[in-house]
């Protein structure tokens, strides 16, 4: 994490990552750099994908997008932190942009989804100037395609760039091309595009408050999300337990 405006009270160490521990309201305005998300699934994927891990650790702010990250902060550091999903980050940013007449650019997803985003923004945040670009749907872009994506963003010159290419592709793409993007703030936010467009329903506030936001999504999309909940989550808890036991053993050995 490289953002100079952060301080020790606003971060917490979680399994090798420096995670944001402040209020979501702090992220509403004035923050620059890359703001990415960390959840148990991305943590597990990043253990074997070093490019993804490098991209996450290079983010200027890494927000705790999951109750598992909250749990880890409590178990390992005794810190209570606020869960901030990508949708929460998106909402505080566009609300601020609306108030001051700012602009944002959505890079990713389909043309149909992007048009729904534009329509909703026009209704709810008419003060926001918005740009859209739907890239080709493939695992890796050619050099020419990358240049076209970067050119589209830079010509629009937004205050904020939202990237929705799904993890880990979006984080790696942002990390690799951050130097060419002339944007103060870049947020790889994945599923937020579909949530905001309404093409995928986000879980209701009851489930979010209960720490079970994942459950309705799993029931609606079991084929896509079963691996995240039945493989990544148990693995994350296993690694968390191992870290905690390792610290206890080390402390006991030092005491003796």
Protein backbone atom coordinates (compact mmCIF):
# COMPACT_ATOMS: atom_id res chain seq x y z
CA UNK A 1 0.00 0.00 0.00
CA UNK A 2 1.60 3.24 -1.13
CA UNK A 3 -0.93 6.01 -0.49
CA UNK A 4 0.75 8.72 1.57
CA UNK A 5 -2.54 9.81 3.14
CA UNK A 6 -2.92 6.49 4.94
CA UNK A 7 -1.70 6.08 8.50
CA UNK A 8 -1.23 3.13 10.83
CA UNK A 9 -4.64 3.55 12.47
CA UNK A 10 -6.31 3.22 9.06
CA UNK A 11 -4.66 -0.09 8.14
CA UNK A 12 -4.36 -3.59 9.54
CA UNK A 13 -2.12 -6.50 8.55
CA UNK A 14 -4.07 -9.53 7.32
CA UNK A 15 -2.12 -12.62 6.24
CA UNK A 16 0.58 -10.65 4.48
CA UNK A 17 -1.67 -7.90 3.10
CA UNK A 18 -2.05 -4.35 4.37
CA UNK A 19 -5.81 -3.82 4.49
CA UNK A 20 -7.75 -0.58 4.90
CA UNK A 21 -9.33 -0.32 8.35
CA UNK A 22 -11.02 3.07 8.22
CA UNK A 23 -14.49 4.29 7.34
CA UNK A 24 -15.91 4.00 3.84
CA UNK A 25 -16.73 7.73 3.98
CA UNK A 26 -13.01 8.50 3.92
CA UNK A 27 -12.86 6.95 0.44
CA UNK A 28 -15.50 9.28 -0.96
CA UNK A 29 -13.24 12.05 -2.16
CA UNK A 30 -9.60 13.03 -2.44
CA UNK A 31 -8.23 9.49 -2.60
CA UNK A 32 -5.93 8.74 -5.53
CA UNK A 33 -4.16 5.70 -6.94
CA UNK A 34 -5.60 2.19 -7.16
CA UNK A 35 -8.28 1.00 -4.75
CA UNK A 36 -8.72 -2.78 -4.98
CA UNK A 37 -10.65 -5.35 -2.94
CA UNK A 38 -9.52 -8.34 -0.90
CA UNK A 39 -11.77 -11.22 0.07
CA UNK A 40 -11.11 -14.85 1.07
CA UNK A 41 -11.51 -16.10 -2.51
CA UNK A 42 -9.05 -13.56 -3.97
CA UNK A 43 -6.62 -14.34 -1.14
CA UNK A 44 -6.67 -18.04 -1.97
CA UNK A 45 -6.35 -17.44 -5.73
CA UNK A 46 -3.44 -15.05 -5.16
CA UNK A 47 -1.48 -17.70 -3.22
CA UNK A 48 -0.90 -19.53 -6.49
CA UNK A 49 -1.15 -16.62 -8.93
CA UNK A 50 1.89 -14.45 -8.25
CA UNK A 51 0.91 -11.78 -10.79
CA UNK A 52 -2.43 -11.39 -9.03
CA UNK A 53 -0.75 -11.29 -5.63
CA UNK A 54 1.68 -8.62 -6.85
CA UNK A 55 -1.21 -6.55 -8.22
CA UNK A 56 -3.15 -6.74 -4.95
CA UNK A 57 -0.13 -5.80 -2.84
CA UNK A 58 0.68 -2.91 -5.18
CA UNK A 59 -2.77 -1.34 -4.68
CA UNK A 60 -2.66 1.98 -2.87
CA UNK A 61 -5.70 0.99 -0.80
CA UNK A 62 -6.94 -2.57 -0.32
CA UNK A 63 -10.46 -2.64 1.10
CA UNK A 64 -11.87 -5.57 3.16
CA UNK A 65 -14.52 -7.03 0.85
CA UNK A 66 -15.74 -9.92 2.95
CA UNK A 67 -16.58 -11.03 6.46
CA UNK A 68 -13.63 -13.42 6.27
CA UNK A 69 -11.24 -10.47 6.13
CA UNK A 70 -13.05 -8.89 9.09
CA UNK A 71 -12.64 -12.16 10.99
CA UNK A 72 -8.94 -12.37 10.17
CA UNK A 73 -8.33 -8.81 11.38
CA UNK A 74 -10.08 -9.64 14.66
CA UNK A 75 -8.40 -13.02 15.20
CA UNK A 76 -4.88 -11.97 14.23
CA UNK A 77 -4.71 -8.33 15.31
CA UNK A 78 -7.64 -7.81 17.65
CA UNK A 79 -9.03 -5.12 15.33
CA UNK A 80 -12.68 -4.58 14.43
CA UNK A 81 -12.89 -3.26 10.88
CA UNK A 82 -15.76 -2.31 8.63
CA UNK A 83 -16.57 -4.58 5.71
CA UNK A 84 -16.52 -2.49 2.52
CA UNK A 85 -17.75 -4.26 -0.59
CA UNK A 86 -16.98 -3.05 -4.09
CA UNK A 87 -20.58 -1.85 -4.31
CA UNK A 88 -20.09 0.27 -1.18
CA UNK A 89 -16.96 1.82 -2.65
CA UNK A 90 -18.75 2.52 -5.93
CA UNK A 91 -21.69 4.17 -4.18
CA UNK A 92 -19.67 6.56 -2.03
CA UNK A 93 -17.59 7.60 -5.03
CA UNK A 94 -20.43 8.28 -7.47
CA UNK A 95 -22.40 10.10 -4.79
CA UNK A 96 -19.46 12.44 -4.31
CA UNK A 97 -18.94 12.83 -8.05
CA UNK A 98 -22.62 13.75 -8.40
CA UNK A 99 -22.32 16.47 -5.76
CA UNK A 100 -19.31 18.14 -7.34
CA UNK A 101 -20.06 17.45 -11.00
CA UNK A 102 -17.32 14.89 -11.56
CA UNK A 103 -16.85 12.16 -14.13
CA UNK A 104 -16.27 8.43 -14.23
CA UNK A 105 -15.54 5.80 -16.86
CA UNK A 106 -16.74 2.19 -16.90
CA UNK A 107 -14.35 -0.20 -18.64
CA UNK A 108 -15.61 -3.76 -18.96
CA UNK A 109 -18.73 -5.90 -19.26
CA UNK A 110 -21.14 -5.90 -22.23
CA UNK A 111 -22.62 -2.97 -24.14
CA UNK A 112 -26.07 -3.89 -22.79
CA UNK A 113 -24.87 -3.81 -19.17
CA UNK A 114 -23.02 -0.53 -19.69
CA UNK A 115 -26.12 1.10 -21.16
CA UNK A 116 -28.13 0.03 -18.10
CA UNK A 117 -25.46 1.61 -15.90
CA UNK A 118 -25.67 4.84 -17.87
CA UNK A 119 -29.49 4.87 -17.57
CA UNK A 120 -29.40 4.34 -13.81
CA UNK A 121 -26.74 7.00 -13.32
CA UNK A 122 -28.85 9.46 -15.32
CA UNK A 123 -31.76 8.82 -12.92
CA UNK A 124 -29.93 8.68 -9.61
CA UNK A 125 -26.76 10.74 -10.17
CA UNK A 126 -27.45 13.15 -13.04
CA UNK A 127 -24.47 15.31 -12.10
CA UNK A 128 -22.01 12.60 -13.10
CA UNK A 129 -20.51 12.67 -16.58
CA UNK A 130 -20.03 9.06 -17.67
CA UNK A 131 -17.97 7.26 -20.30
CA UNK A 132 -18.31 3.63 -21.35
CA UNK A 133 -16.22 1.04 -23.19
CA UNK A 134 -16.93 -2.67 -23.62
CA UNK A 135 -13.68 -4.55 -24.40
CA UNK A 136 -13.52 -7.84 -26.35
CA UNK A 137 -14.49 -10.86 -24.27
CA UNK A 138 -11.28 -12.88 -24.09
CA UNK A 139 -8.71 -13.95 -21.53
CA UNK A 140 -5.90 -11.80 -22.91
CA UNK A 141 -5.98 -8.66 -25.03
CA UNK A 142 -3.62 -7.97 -27.91
CA UNK A 143 -1.28 -4.97 -27.75
CA UNK A 144 -3.56 -3.14 -30.19
CA UNK A 145 -6.62 -3.86 -28.03
CA UNK A 146 -4.86 -2.67 -24.89
CA UNK A 147 -3.91 0.54 -26.66
CA UNK A 148 -7.53 1.05 -27.72
CA UNK A 149 -8.76 0.56 -24.13
CA UNK A 150 -6.21 2.99 -22.73
CA UNK A 151 -6.91 5.54 -25.47
CA UNK A 152 -10.66 5.42 -24.83
CA UNK A 153 -10.11 6.12 -21.12
CA UNK A 154 -7.52 8.86 -21.59
CA UNK A 155 -9.51 10.69 -24.26
CA UNK A 156 -12.49 10.86 -21.92
CA UNK A 157 -10.17 11.93 -19.06
CA UNK A 158 -12.38 10.84 -16.11
CA UNK A 159 -11.89 11.54 -12.44
CA UNK A 160 -12.43 7.86 -11.67
CA UNK A 161 -12.03 4.67 -13.72
CA UNK A 162 -14.08 1.62 -12.75
CA UNK A 163 -12.77 -1.61 -14.26
CA UNK A 164 -15.08 -4.62 -14.45
CA UNK A 165 -13.35 -7.54 -16.15
CA UNK A 166 -13.72 -10.03 -13.24
CA UNK A 167 -10.91 -10.97 -10.87
CA UNK A 168 -8.04 -11.65 -11.21
CA UNK A 169 -7.95 -10.37 -14.80
CA UNK A 170 -9.01 -6.82 -13.89
CA UNK A 171 -6.47 -6.36 -11.10
CA UNK A 172 -3.62 -7.65 -13.24
CA UNK A 173 -4.69 -5.47 -16.17
CA UNK A 174 -4.83 -2.37 -13.98
CA UNK A 175 -1.43 -3.15 -12.43
CA UNK A 176 0.20 -3.68 -15.82
CA UNK A 177 -1.26 -0.55 -17.44
CA UNK A 178 -1.58 1.87 -14.51
CA UNK A 179 1.31 3.97 -15.76
CA UNK A 180 -0.42 4.64 -19.09
CA UNK A 181 -3.81 5.51 -17.59
CA UNK A 182 -4.18 9.26 -17.03
CA UNK A 183 -6.77 8.91 -14.28
CA UNK A 184 -6.39 9.99 -10.62
CA UNK A 185 -8.32 7.02 -9.20
CA UNK A 186 -8.72 3.49 -10.58
CA UNK A 187 -11.03 0.90 -8.99
CA UNK A 188 -11.20 -2.70 -10.24
CA UNK A 189 -14.64 -3.64 -8.91
CA UNK A 190 -15.80 -6.69 -10.87
CA UNK A 191 -19.37 -7.70 -10.09
CA UNK A 192 -20.34 -4.11 -9.24
CA UNK A 193 -21.09 -3.51 -12.91
CA UNK A 194 -23.80 -6.19 -12.92
CA UNK A 195 -25.12 -5.23 -9.50
CA UNK A 196 -25.52 -1.58 -10.43
CA UNK A 197 -26.98 -2.39 -13.84
CA UNK A 198 -29.46 -4.77 -12.22
CA UNK A 199 -28.45 -7.73 -14.38
CA UNK A 200 -27.37 -9.54 -11.18
CA UNK A 201 -29.17 -8.91 -7.90
CA UNK A 202 -27.07 -8.03 -4.87
CA UNK A 203 -28.15 -9.60 -1.57
CA UNK A 204 -30.48 -7.50 0.59
CA UNK A 205 -29.48 -5.47 3.64
CA UNK A 206 -30.72 -8.18 6.03
CA UNK A 207 -28.19 -10.67 4.64
CA UNK A 208 -25.44 -8.04 4.49
CA UNK A 209 -25.98 -7.07 8.16
CA UNK A 210 -25.96 -10.76 9.14
CA UNK A 211 -22.63 -11.28 7.40
CA UNK A 212 -24.29 -13.70 4.99
CA UNK A 213 -24.30 -11.68 1.79
CA UNK A 214 -22.77 -14.67 0.03
CA UNK A 215 -25.70 -17.04 0.78
CA UNK A 216 -28.46 -15.65 -1.51
CA UNK A 217 -25.89 -15.24 -4.30
CA UNK A 218 -24.80 -18.85 -3.88
CA UNK A 219 -28.40 -20.05 -4.03
CA UNK A 220 -29.02 -18.02 -7.20
CA UNK A 221 -25.76 -18.93 -8.94
CA UNK A 222 -24.50 -22.23 -7.47
CA UNK A 223 -22.70 -23.28 -10.65
CA UNK A 224 -20.56 -20.15 -10.67
CA UNK A 225 -20.04 -19.59 -6.94
CA UNK A 226 -19.76 -23.06 -5.39
CA UNK A 227 -15.96 -23.11 -5.70
CA UNK A 228 -15.68 -19.73 -3.95
CA UNK A 229 -17.79 -20.84 -0.98
CA UNK A 230 -16.96 -24.53 -0.62
CA UNK A 231 -13.27 -24.50 -1.55
CA UNK A 232 -11.83 -20.99 -1.16
CA UNK A 233 -13.60 -20.15 2.11
CA UNK A 234 -12.55 -23.34 3.94
CA UNK A 235 -8.99 -22.92 2.62
CA UNK A 236 -8.92 -19.32 3.82
CA UNK A 237 -10.06 -20.40 7.30
CA UNK A 238 -7.40 -23.14 7.26
CA UNK A 239 -4.66 -20.61 6.44
CA UNK A 240 -6.04 -18.22 9.06
CA UNK A 241 -6.01 -20.95 11.71
CA UNK A 242 -2.48 -21.94 10.72
CA UNK A 243 -1.28 -18.34 11.06
CA UNK A 244 -2.94 -17.97 14.46
CA UNK A 245 -1.52 -21.25 15.79
CA UNK A 246 1.90 -20.33 14.43
CA UNK A 247 1.83 -17.05 16.32
CA UNK A 248 0.73 -18.79 19.53
CA UNK A 249 3.51 -21.35 19.20
CA UNK A 250 6.11 -18.67 18.51
CA UNK A 251 4.92 -16.60 21.45
CA UNK A 252 4.94 -19.62 23.76
CA UNK A 253 8.44 -20.56 22.66
CA UNK A 254 9.70 -17.03 23.23
CA UNK A 255 8.10 -16.90 26.68
CA UNK A 256 9.68 -20.15 27.72
